[in-house]
Amino acid sequence: MKISVTKAGLQKMQDDLARMKGTEMREHLQALSEAREKGDISENAEYDVARDNINMLSIKISNLEERIRNSVVVTKDKTSTDIVQLFSKVTILNKKTGKNISYSIVTEDEADSRQQKISVNSPLAQGLCGHKKGEVVSIQVPAGTLELEILEIEEVE
């Protein structure tokens, strides 16, 4: 399955991979070596933990390598502000609570809820994408159904 990422998102994944393969793996191998030096490995809990940590890190590395292989770099050309789409900043009104909130719709790897950046693959973004300013949309989310009015569509900075 292809994954949409920005150039910066791909670079972050590559940096994370290099860190995992480099310093993190060296640290885990060092811990394994130190545990092995403590004697009989058949009853050595430190050895078992160190070996498990290496296995978990190897799985993370493998998964990240696959994500990188399946990544397609998308560019943020001039984004239309006519409809909600990837790289849109959308201000919505929650009809139930009466509160306005703005979200930037970004690639999965750049999503950060603390910065109001949501993944284009999230239920909320999926429900908003393709709609225009002034439309009221009903979106099914894990907590129930949201009734949202699209107040503004801008380009993500």
Protein backbone atom coordinates (compact mmCIF):
# COMPACT_ATOMS: atom_id res chain seq x y z
CA MET A 1 0.00 0.00 0.00
CA LYS A 2 1.46 3.35 -1.04
CA ILE A 3 1.83 5.98 1.68
CA SER A 4 1.67 9.71 0.89
CA VAL A 5 4.45 11.66 2.59
CA THR A 6 6.05 15.03 2.17
CA LYS A 7 9.75 15.39 1.45
CA ALA A 8 10.25 16.42 5.10
CA GLY A 9 8.22 13.42 6.30
CA LEU A 10 10.33 11.04 4.23
CA GLN A 11 13.51 12.64 5.54
CA LYS A 12 12.29 12.21 9.13
CA MET A 13 11.62 8.50 8.51
CA GLN A 14 15.09 8.10 6.97
CA ASP A 15 16.68 9.90 9.94
CA ASP A 16 14.75 7.69 12.38
CA LEU A 17 15.89 4.59 10.48
CA ALA A 18 19.52 5.69 10.58
CA ARG A 19 19.25 6.37 14.34
CA MET A 20 17.65 2.97 14.98
CA LYS A 21 20.23 1.11 12.88
CA GLY A 22 23.07 3.11 14.40
CA THR A 23 23.02 4.28 17.99
CA GLU A 24 19.98 2.35 19.21
CA MET A 25 21.16 -0.98 17.80
CA ARG A 26 24.68 -0.41 19.16
CA GLU A 27 23.24 0.31 22.62
CA HIS A 28 21.15 -2.87 22.55
CA LEU A 29 24.06 -4.97 21.31
CA GLN A 30 26.24 -3.52 24.07
CA ALA A 31 23.59 -4.45 26.67
CA LEU A 32 23.46 -7.98 25.22
CA SER A 33 27.23 -8.29 25.35
CA GLU A 34 27.33 -7.09 28.98
CA ALA A 35 24.57 -9.53 29.94
CA ARG A 36 26.39 -12.38 28.21
CA GLU A 37 29.53 -11.62 30.24
CA LYS A 38 27.60 -12.24 33.46
CA GLY A 39 27.70 -15.97 32.96
CA ASP A 40 25.19 -18.70 32.18
CA ILE A 41 22.74 -17.30 29.63
CA SER A 42 20.15 -20.04 30.25
CA GLU A 43 19.13 -18.37 33.53
CA ASN A 44 20.11 -14.78 32.76
CA ALA A 45 17.10 -12.46 32.73
CA GLU A 46 19.21 -9.49 31.58
CA TYR A 47 20.32 -11.49 28.55
CA ASP A 48 16.72 -12.41 27.70
CA VAL A 49 15.58 -8.79 28.00
CA ALA A 50 18.48 -7.52 25.89
CA ARG A 51 17.79 -10.16 23.23
CA ASP A 52 14.06 -9.26 23.23
CA ASN A 53 14.93 -5.56 22.88
CA ILE A 54 17.10 -6.33 19.84
CA ASN A 55 14.29 -8.38 18.30
CA MET A 56 11.74 -5.59 18.88
CA LEU A 57 14.09 -3.00 17.41
CA SER A 58 14.71 -5.23 14.39
CA ILE A 59 10.95 -5.44 13.81
CA LYS A 60 10.63 -1.63 14.08
CA ILE A 61 13.49 -1.24 11.59
CA SER A 62 11.88 -3.69 9.18
CA ASN A 63 8.50 -1.92 9.42
CA LEU A 64 10.07 1.49 8.88
CA GLU A 65 12.06 0.22 5.90
CA GLU A 66 8.83 -1.05 4.37
CA ARG A 67 7.08 2.30 5.00
CA ILE A 68 9.97 4.09 3.29
CA ARG A 69 9.83 1.70 0.31
CA ASN A 70 6.08 2.30 -0.02
CA SER A 71 6.29 6.08 0.37
CA VAL A 72 5.25 8.41 -2.40
CA VAL A 73 6.42 11.99 -1.99
CA VAL A 74 3.61 14.48 -2.46
CA THR A 75 4.34 18.13 -3.00
CA LYS A 76 2.42 21.02 -1.63
CA ASP A 77 1.83 22.91 -4.81
CA LYS A 78 -0.77 25.63 -4.84
CA THR A 79 -3.63 24.07 -2.89
CA SER A 80 -7.14 24.98 -3.94
CA THR A 81 -9.19 26.61 -1.22
CA ASP A 82 -12.45 25.64 -2.95
CA ILE A 83 -12.64 22.20 -1.32
CA VAL A 84 -11.14 20.48 1.69
CA GLN A 85 -8.18 18.30 0.69
CA LEU A 86 -4.66 17.32 1.70
CA PHE A 87 -2.76 20.47 2.83
CA SER A 88 -5.98 22.36 3.61
CA LYS A 89 -6.45 24.22 6.85
CA VAL A 90 -10.14 23.97 7.62
CA THR A 91 -12.11 25.83 10.28
CA ILE A 92 -15.24 24.02 11.34
CA LEU A 93 -18.16 24.67 13.66
CA ASN A 94 -19.30 21.76 15.80
CA LYS A 95 -23.11 22.16 15.61
CA LYS A 96 -23.64 20.32 18.90
CA THR A 97 -21.16 22.25 21.06
CA GLY A 98 -21.18 25.54 19.16
CA LYS A 99 -17.37 25.62 19.19
CA ASN A 100 -15.10 26.52 16.28
CA ILE A 101 -11.85 24.67 15.72
CA SER A 102 -9.26 24.67 12.95
CA TYR A 103 -7.40 21.62 11.68
CA SER A 104 -4.62 21.28 9.15
CA ILE A 105 -4.98 18.15 7.02
CA VAL A 106 -1.54 16.64 6.55
CA THR A 107 0.09 13.33 5.67
CA GLU A 108 -0.04 10.53 8.23
CA ASP A 109 3.57 11.01 9.34
CA GLU A 110 3.09 14.72 10.00
CA ALA A 111 -0.10 14.39 12.06
CA ASP A 112 0.19 15.94 15.52
CA SER A 113 -2.99 16.44 17.53
CA ARG A 114 -1.28 18.96 19.85
CA GLN A 115 -0.73 21.22 16.83
CA GLN A 116 -4.21 20.56 15.38
CA LYS A 117 -2.67 18.62 12.48
CA ILE A 118 -4.76 15.60 11.51
CA SER A 119 -3.92 12.78 9.15
CA VAL A 120 -5.62 12.79 5.78
CA ASN A 121 -6.46 9.15 6.62
CA SER A 122 -8.29 9.98 9.88
CA PRO A 123 -12.09 9.61 10.03
CA LEU A 124 -12.47 13.36 10.54
CA ALA A 125 -10.31 14.32 7.56
CA GLN A 126 -11.90 11.64 5.38
CA GLY A 127 -15.31 13.05 6.23
CA LEU A 128 -14.28 16.64 5.46
CA CYS A 129 -12.29 16.04 2.26
CA GLY A 130 -14.15 16.91 -0.91
CA HIS A 131 -16.58 19.28 0.81
CA LYS A 132 -16.90 23.04 0.33
CA LYS A 133 -17.16 26.09 2.57
CA GLY A 134 -20.67 26.42 3.99
CA GLU A 135 -21.51 22.72 3.77
CA VAL A 136 -22.66 20.81 6.84
CA VAL A 137 -21.26 17.30 7.01
CA SER A 138 -22.09 14.37 9.27
CA ILE A 139 -19.03 12.34 10.22
CA GLN A 140 -19.06 9.04 12.03
CA VAL A 141 -16.23 8.92 14.57
CA PRO A 142 -15.56 6.44 17.39
CA ALA A 143 -17.37 8.73 19.87
CA GLY A 144 -20.50 9.01 17.69
CA THR A 145 -21.68 11.25 14.86
CA LEU A 146 -20.42 14.80 14.47
CA GLU A 147 -22.39 17.51 12.69
CA LEU A 148 -19.83 20.00 11.39
CA GLU A 149 -20.18 23.13 9.31
CA ILE A 150 -17.19 24.13 7.20
CA LEU A 151 -16.57 27.81 7.91
CA GLU A 152 -13.24 28.43 6.17
CA ILE A 153 -10.77 26.64 3.92
CA GLU A 154 -7.22 27.93 3.68
CA GLU A 155 -3.88 26.64 2.47
CA VAL A 156 -1.64 25.09 5.13
CA GLU A 157 1.38 27.29 5.75
